[in-house]
């Protein structure tokens, strides 16, 4: 009943009558059937009532859920339990701290590391959802903790998952981590490096020494090609997340290096493809990225013509909100005067 798309009245009544508070005691039920049913119901409600979930879940409840994830032999029970945690608002720092103290991270990482092609898509999606809260750019210490435990290669692995939701969430986590790579890189001229890192550690994009576990570098993690593959696929739901991750390589200080890296991975045409069929947010990000990438003459010569065709169509038939950015790019490609009255 609660999972039905038109069951808002039922969910409202359950909210008014404190359903979450009533369900929580059943999480400690020894009968697996009853406990799993309670988890499933709580998971369904948590998708629609995240604020109420936050209000009712105390540290003791979180510990119970984490223990279920760690000990249960039922994949469906694990999926529901992880799903509940993935629906707790990410800005709830108190919950994040409680989950960290309950040793959740090694448990999640172990499940991901041992996942197979037959692992439940819901479980993978929920695992990726929980990891979003542990990779927020504002908490570098937490990011470092996650990276040191080996989560980045697992996020890269998720980029090739069968689940578009898991791909999207994994790309978003990688984007959050990569936002700090530039400031964390080891400067190649640093005098304190008693033993210089190996040549392999040098990153041409960040123009310094990068390491997956300490600078969260997408290039060293081998994430660029899988991100481009998402853009080349037929499903469009993860475009924005993949673009956001790639866009971290185009920050002011490194945009030219990042452009060359994306080009090397055959990503420029994939970005142009998003302009043809992506949603407006993905199109906005693609336009911003192309404006930077096509500043490089080599890329402008090679990809300018195909970009022009799509841009002209977008100018004529696309969302009006995109027109200023489209006009800027067309002017950059010498097709229009910068102040064209057409726009």
Protein backbone atom coordinates (compact mmCIF):
# COMPACT_ATOMS: atom_id res chain seq x y z
CA UNK A 1 0.00 0.00 0.00
CA UNK A 2 2.65 2.55 1.00
CA UNK A 3 4.77 1.95 -2.08
CA UNK A 4 1.98 2.69 -4.54
CA UNK A 5 2.44 5.92 -6.49
CA UNK A 6 -1.01 7.17 -5.49
CA UNK A 7 -0.73 6.20 -1.82
CA UNK A 8 0.09 9.70 -0.56
CA UNK A 9 -3.02 9.73 1.64
CA UNK A 10 -2.03 6.46 3.28
CA UNK A 11 1.49 7.72 3.89
CA UNK A 12 0.18 10.98 5.32
CA UNK A 13 -2.07 9.09 7.73
CA UNK A 14 0.84 6.89 8.78
CA UNK A 15 2.97 9.99 9.32
CA UNK A 16 0.26 11.62 11.43
CA UNK A 17 -0.01 8.49 13.56
CA UNK A 18 3.74 8.11 14.14
CA UNK A 19 4.23 5.02 11.96
CA UNK A 20 8.03 5.18 11.96
CA UNK A 21 8.13 5.27 15.75
CA UNK A 22 5.86 2.22 15.86
CA UNK A 23 7.93 0.25 13.32
CA UNK A 24 11.39 0.85 14.82
CA UNK A 25 11.08 -1.67 17.72
CA UNK A 26 10.50 -4.46 15.19
CA UNK A 27 14.06 -4.02 13.92
CA UNK A 28 15.28 -6.03 16.90
CA UNK A 29 12.76 -8.83 16.29
CA UNK A 30 14.43 -12.25 16.25
CA UNK A 31 11.98 -13.57 13.67
CA UNK A 32 13.64 -12.75 10.34
CA UNK A 33 10.35 -12.63 8.44
CA UNK A 34 8.90 -10.01 10.77
CA UNK A 35 12.18 -8.05 10.89
CA UNK A 36 12.52 -8.03 7.11
CA UNK A 37 8.92 -6.88 6.70
CA UNK A 38 9.57 -4.04 9.15
CA UNK A 39 12.72 -3.06 7.25
CA UNK A 40 10.89 -3.11 3.91
CA UNK A 41 8.08 -0.92 5.26
CA UNK A 42 10.52 1.48 6.91
CA UNK A 43 12.54 1.69 3.68
CA UNK A 44 9.42 2.53 1.67
CA UNK A 45 8.37 5.20 4.17
CA UNK A 46 11.89 6.63 4.34
CA UNK A 47 11.77 7.45 0.62
CA UNK A 48 8.74 9.67 1.18
CA UNK A 49 9.29 10.86 4.76
CA UNK A 50 13.05 11.57 5.09
CA UNK A 51 12.60 14.36 7.65
CA UNK A 52 10.44 12.18 9.90
CA UNK A 53 13.02 9.41 9.56
CA UNK A 54 15.75 11.78 10.77
CA UNK A 55 13.64 12.87 13.73
CA UNK A 56 12.92 9.31 14.88
CA UNK A 57 16.22 7.54 14.19
CA UNK A 58 18.50 7.74 17.19
CA UNK A 59 22.08 6.48 17.39
CA UNK A 60 20.86 3.22 18.94
CA UNK A 61 18.53 2.61 15.98
CA UNK A 62 21.32 3.34 13.53
CA UNK A 63 23.56 0.86 15.32
CA UNK A 64 20.86 -1.80 15.06
CA UNK A 65 20.52 -1.19 11.31
CA UNK A 66 24.30 -1.32 10.84
CA UNK A 67 24.45 -4.61 12.78
CA UNK A 68 21.76 -6.06 10.50
CA UNK A 69 23.78 -5.05 7.43
CA UNK A 70 26.90 -6.65 8.91
CA UNK A 71 25.34 -9.92 10.06
CA UNK A 72 22.34 -10.69 7.86
CA UNK A 73 22.63 -13.53 5.37
CA UNK A 74 19.64 -12.23 3.40
CA UNK A 75 20.47 -9.92 0.49
CA UNK A 76 16.94 -8.48 0.50
CA UNK A 77 17.25 -7.66 4.21
CA UNK A 78 20.65 -6.01 3.61
CA UNK A 79 19.20 -4.05 0.69
CA UNK A 80 16.33 -2.66 2.75
CA UNK A 81 18.62 -1.79 5.67
CA UNK A 82 21.18 -0.01 3.47
CA UNK A 83 18.29 1.64 1.62
CA UNK A 84 17.00 3.17 4.84
CA UNK A 85 20.41 4.68 5.56
CA UNK A 86 20.66 6.02 1.99
CA UNK A 87 17.43 7.95 2.50
CA UNK A 88 18.63 9.84 5.56
CA UNK A 89 19.24 13.44 4.40
CA UNK A 90 22.94 13.96 3.63
CA UNK A 91 23.02 17.24 5.56
CA UNK A 92 22.25 15.36 8.79
CA UNK A 93 25.79 15.49 10.18
CA UNK A 94 24.72 13.90 13.46
CA UNK A 95 23.65 10.78 11.55
CA UNK A 96 26.89 10.78 9.54
CA UNK A 97 28.95 10.89 12.74
CA UNK A 98 26.89 8.10 14.31
CA UNK A 99 27.26 5.91 11.22
CA UNK A 100 31.00 6.52 11.12
CA UNK A 101 31.35 5.56 14.79
CA UNK A 102 29.31 2.41 14.21
CA UNK A 103 31.99 1.20 11.78
CA UNK A 104 29.61 1.26 8.81
CA UNK A 105 32.21 2.20 6.19
CA UNK A 106 34.30 -1.02 6.27
CA UNK A 107 31.07 -3.03 6.11
CA UNK A 108 29.81 -1.19 3.03
CA UNK A 109 33.19 -1.37 1.35
CA UNK A 110 33.40 -5.12 2.01
CA UNK A 111 29.96 -5.67 0.44
CA UNK A 112 30.92 -3.61 -2.61
CA UNK A 113 34.28 -5.34 -2.96
CA UNK A 114 32.64 -8.77 -3.02
CA UNK A 115 29.70 -7.79 -5.23
CA UNK A 116 29.15 -9.76 -8.44
CA UNK A 117 27.11 -9.19 -11.61
CA UNK A 118 24.22 -10.96 -9.87
CA UNK A 119 24.21 -8.64 -6.84
CA UNK A 120 20.86 -6.90 -6.36
CA UNK A 121 20.66 -3.58 -8.18
CA UNK A 122 18.77 -2.11 -5.22
CA UNK A 123 21.64 -3.04 -2.91
CA UNK A 124 24.22 -1.45 -5.21
CA UNK A 125 22.10 1.69 -5.60
CA UNK A 126 21.65 2.01 -1.84
CA UNK A 127 25.36 1.42 -1.15
CA UNK A 128 26.24 4.17 -3.62
CA UNK A 129 23.61 6.41 -2.01
CA UNK A 130 25.11 6.03 1.46
CA UNK A 131 28.61 6.77 0.15
CA UNK A 132 27.41 10.17 -1.09
CA UNK A 133 27.24 11.35 2.53
CA UNK A 134 30.82 10.21 3.20
CA UNK A 135 32.31 12.07 0.21
CA UNK A 136 30.93 15.60 0.65
CA UNK A 137 33.60 18.13 -0.43
CA UNK A 138 33.26 20.19 2.77
CA UNK A 139 34.66 17.38 4.95
CA UNK A 140 38.13 16.48 3.71
CA UNK A 141 38.94 14.37 6.76
CA UNK A 142 35.95 12.18 6.03
CA UNK A 143 36.89 12.01 2.35
CA UNK A 144 40.40 10.94 3.33
CA UNK A 145 39.02 8.25 5.65
CA UNK A 146 36.87 6.86 2.84
CA UNK A 147 39.66 7.00 0.27
CA UNK A 148 42.18 5.32 2.58
CA UNK A 149 39.76 2.41 2.99
CA UNK A 150 39.77 1.87 -0.77
CA UNK A 151 36.39 3.21 -1.81
CA UNK A 152 37.50 5.07 -4.97
CA UNK A 153 38.29 1.98 -7.11
CA UNK A 154 34.91 0.58 -6.03
CA UNK A 155 33.13 3.76 -7.11
CA UNK A 156 34.91 3.51 -10.47
CA UNK A 157 33.71 -0.10 -10.72
CA UNK A 158 30.13 1.07 -10.10
CA UNK A 159 30.37 3.35 -13.13
CA UNK A 160 30.00 0.19 -15.21
CA UNK A 161 27.10 -1.18 -13.17
CA UNK A 162 23.88 -2.36 -14.82
CA UNK A 163 22.00 0.16 -12.68
CA UNK A 164 21.81 3.71 -14.02
CA UNK A 165 21.04 4.93 -10.47
CA UNK A 166 24.19 3.30 -9.11
CA UNK A 167 26.21 4.85 -11.96
CA UNK A 168 24.76 8.27 -11.24
CA UNK A 169 25.46 8.11 -7.52
CA UNK A 170 28.98 6.75 -8.01
CA UNK A 171 29.77 9.54 -10.48
CA UNK A 172 28.42 12.10 -8.00
CA UNK A 173 30.67 10.77 -5.24
CA UNK A 174 33.68 10.84 -7.55
CA UNK A 175 32.83 14.44 -8.49
CA UNK A 176 32.67 15.41 -4.81
CA UNK A 177 36.06 13.84 -4.17
CA UNK A 178 37.64 15.29 -7.30
CA UNK A 179 36.65 18.84 -6.35
CA UNK A 180 39.46 18.77 -3.79
CA UNK A 181 42.12 17.08 -5.95
CA UNK A 182 43.66 20.31 -7.20
CA UNK A 183 44.27 21.69 -3.71
CA UNK A 184 45.53 18.33 -2.40
CA UNK A 185 48.04 17.56 -5.18
CA UNK A 186 51.70 17.51 -4.27
CA UNK A 187 53.48 20.33 -6.06
CA UNK A 188 56.21 19.03 -8.35
CA UNK A 189 58.53 21.79 -7.12
CA UNK A 190 57.97 21.15 -3.42
CA UNK A 191 61.30 21.24 -1.58
CA UNK A 192 60.13 19.08 1.33
CA UNK A 193 59.93 15.98 -0.85
CA UNK A 194 63.00 14.16 0.50
CA UNK A 195 62.25 11.17 -1.69
CA UNK A 196 60.61 12.36 -4.93
CA UNK A 197 57.55 10.33 -5.98
CA UNK A 198 57.90 8.03 -8.95
CA UNK A 199 57.39 9.35 -12.47
CA UNK A 200 54.13 7.38 -12.62
CA UNK A 201 52.73 9.51 -9.81
CA UNK A 202 52.94 12.70 -11.84
CA UNK A 203 49.56 13.88 -13.12
CA UNK A 204 49.56 15.97 -16.28
CA UNK A 205 46.07 17.30 -15.55
CA UNK A 206 46.76 18.57 -12.03
CA UNK A 207 50.39 19.39 -12.89
CA UNK A 208 51.66 17.75 -9.74
CA UNK A 209 51.95 14.40 -7.99
CA UNK A 210 48.61 12.67 -7.48
CA UNK A 211 47.62 9.55 -5.57
CA UNK A 212 44.20 7.92 -5.50
CA UNK A 213 44.06 7.58 -1.72
CA UNK A 214 45.32 11.04 -0.82
CA UNK A 215 44.41 13.41 -3.65
CA UNK A 216 41.34 11.55 -5.00
CA UNK A 217 42.54 12.03 -8.57
CA UNK A 218 40.11 10.81 -11.23
CA UNK A 219 42.92 10.39 -13.73
CA UNK A 220 44.99 8.12 -11.48
CA UNK A 221 41.82 6.23 -10.49
CA UNK A 222 41.15 5.37 -14.14
CA UNK A 223 37.72 7.01 -13.98
CA UNK A 224 37.82 9.13 -17.14
CA UNK A 225 36.98 6.44 -19.70
CA UNK A 226 34.10 4.94 -17.67
CA UNK A 227 32.63 8.43 -17.21
CA UNK A 228 32.82 9.04 -20.95
CA UNK A 229 31.21 5.64 -21.54
CA UNK A 230 28.19 6.78 -19.52
CA UNK A 231 27.77 9.75 -21.88
CA UNK A 232 28.06 7.45 -24.88
CA UNK A 233 25.32 5.14 -23.60
CA UNK A 234 21.64 5.24 -24.46
CA UNK A 235 20.40 6.09 -20.96
CA UNK A 236 20.46 9.79 -20.14
CA UNK A 237 19.72 9.80 -16.40
CA UNK A 238 23.39 9.80 -15.35
CA UNK A 239 24.60 12.43 -17.85
CA UNK A 240 24.60 15.29 -15.38
CA UNK A 241 26.52 13.36 -12.72
CA UNK A 242 29.12 12.14 -15.23
CA UNK A 243 29.57 15.65 -16.63
CA UNK A 244 29.90 17.12 -13.14
CA UNK A 245 32.73 14.67 -12.44
CA UNK A 246 34.53 15.44 -15.71
CA UNK A 247 33.99 19.18 -15.16
CA UNK A 248 36.25 19.04 -12.10
CA UNK A 249 39.11 18.60 -14.58
CA UNK A 250 38.26 21.98 -16.13
CA UNK A 251 38.78 24.20 -13.08
CA UNK A 252 40.36 27.58 -13.80
CA UNK A 253 43.94 26.57 -13.11
CA UNK A 254 43.89 23.31 -15.08
CA UNK A 255 41.21 23.68 -17.77
CA UNK A 256 43.61 23.26 -20.69
CA UNK A 257 45.20 20.13 -19.24
CA UNK A 258 41.77 18.79 -18.42
CA UNK A 259 40.51 19.52 -21.94
CA UNK A 260 43.36 17.51 -23.41
CA UNK A 261 42.66 14.64 -21.02
CA UNK A 262 38.98 14.53 -21.97
CA UNK A 263 39.91 14.71 -25.66
CA UNK A 264 42.36 11.83 -25.24
CA UNK A 265 39.51 9.74 -23.83
CA UNK A 266 37.36 10.62 -26.88
CA UNK A 267 35.06 12.56 -24.59
CA UNK A 268 34.45 15.74 -26.59
CA UNK A 269 31.99 14.17 -29.04
CA UNK A 270 30.25 12.52 -26.10
CA UNK A 271 29.74 15.92 -24.50
CA UNK A 272 28.36 17.27 -27.78
CA UNK A 273 25.98 14.28 -27.85
CA UNK A 274 24.51 15.39 -24.52
CA UNK A 275 23.51 18.69 -26.14
CA UNK A 276 21.31 16.72 -28.54
CA UNK A 277 19.42 14.57 -26.07
CA UNK A 278 20.25 15.45 -22.46
CA UNK A 279 18.03 17.25 -19.96
CA UNK A 280 18.46 20.99 -19.51
CA UNK A 281 20.80 20.75 -16.51
CA UNK A 282 23.06 18.34 -18.38
CA UNK A 283 22.93 20.60 -21.44
CA UNK A 284 23.91 23.62 -19.32
CA UNK A 285 26.90 21.74 -17.92
CA UNK A 286 27.88 20.49 -21.39
CA UNK A 287 27.80 24.04 -22.78
CA UNK A 288 29.99 25.31 -19.94
CA UNK A 289 32.49 22.51 -20.55
CA UNK A 290 32.55 22.96 -24.32
CA UNK A 291 33.18 26.69 -23.94
CA UNK A 292 36.39 25.81 -22.11
CA UNK A 293 37.41 22.83 -24.21
CA UNK A 294 36.95 24.65 -27.52
CA UNK A 295 39.26 27.45 -26.41
CA UNK A 296 42.02 25.05 -27.39
CA UNK A 297 42.60 25.54 -31.11
CA UNK A 298 43.31 21.87 -31.79
CA UNK A 299 39.97 20.82 -30.30
CA UNK A 300 38.14 23.69 -31.98
CA UNK A 301 39.47 22.65 -35.39
CA UNK A 302 38.70 18.98 -34.84
CA UNK A 303 35.27 19.26 -33.18
CA UNK A 304 34.04 22.76 -34.03
CA UNK A 305 32.06 21.75 -37.11
CA UNK A 306 30.09 18.98 -35.39
CA UNK A 307 29.49 21.26 -32.42
CA UNK A 308 28.18 24.02 -34.69
CA UNK A 309 25.50 21.78 -36.20
CA UNK A 310 24.16 20.85 -32.77
CA UNK A 311 24.44 24.39 -31.42
CA UNK A 312 22.48 25.90 -34.31
CA UNK A 313 19.71 23.35 -33.82
CA UNK A 314 19.75 24.06 -30.08
CA UNK A 315 19.51 27.81 -30.78
CA UNK A 316 16.47 27.31 -32.97
CA UNK A 317 14.65 24.52 -31.14
CA UNK A 318 16.19 24.25 -27.68
CA UNK A 319 15.15 25.64 -24.33
CA UNK A 320 15.29 29.47 -24.34
CA UNK A 321 17.27 29.39 -21.09
CA UNK A 322 20.21 27.90 -23.00
CA UNK A 323 20.39 30.63 -25.65
CA UNK A 324 22.93 32.96 -23.96
CA UNK A 325 25.41 30.10 -23.52
CA UNK A 326 24.71 28.82 -27.05
CA UNK A 327 25.29 32.30 -28.46
CA UNK A 328 28.58 32.59 -26.61
CA UNK A 329 29.80 29.31 -28.06
CA UNK A 330 28.71 30.13 -31.59
CA UNK A 331 30.52 33.45 -31.34
CA UNK A 332 33.57 31.59 -30.07
CA UNK A 333 33.35 29.44 -33.21
CA UNK A 334 33.11 32.59 -35.36
CA UNK A 335 29.62 31.75 -36.56
CA UNK A 336 27.96 34.73 -34.90
CA UNK A 337 28.98 38.12 -33.66
CA UNK A 338 29.10 38.04 -29.88
CA UNK A 339 26.12 40.43 -29.67
CA UNK A 340 23.95 38.82 -32.32
CA UNK A 341 20.40 40.16 -32.32
CA UNK A 342 19.18 36.64 -33.10
CA UNK A 343 19.51 35.89 -29.39
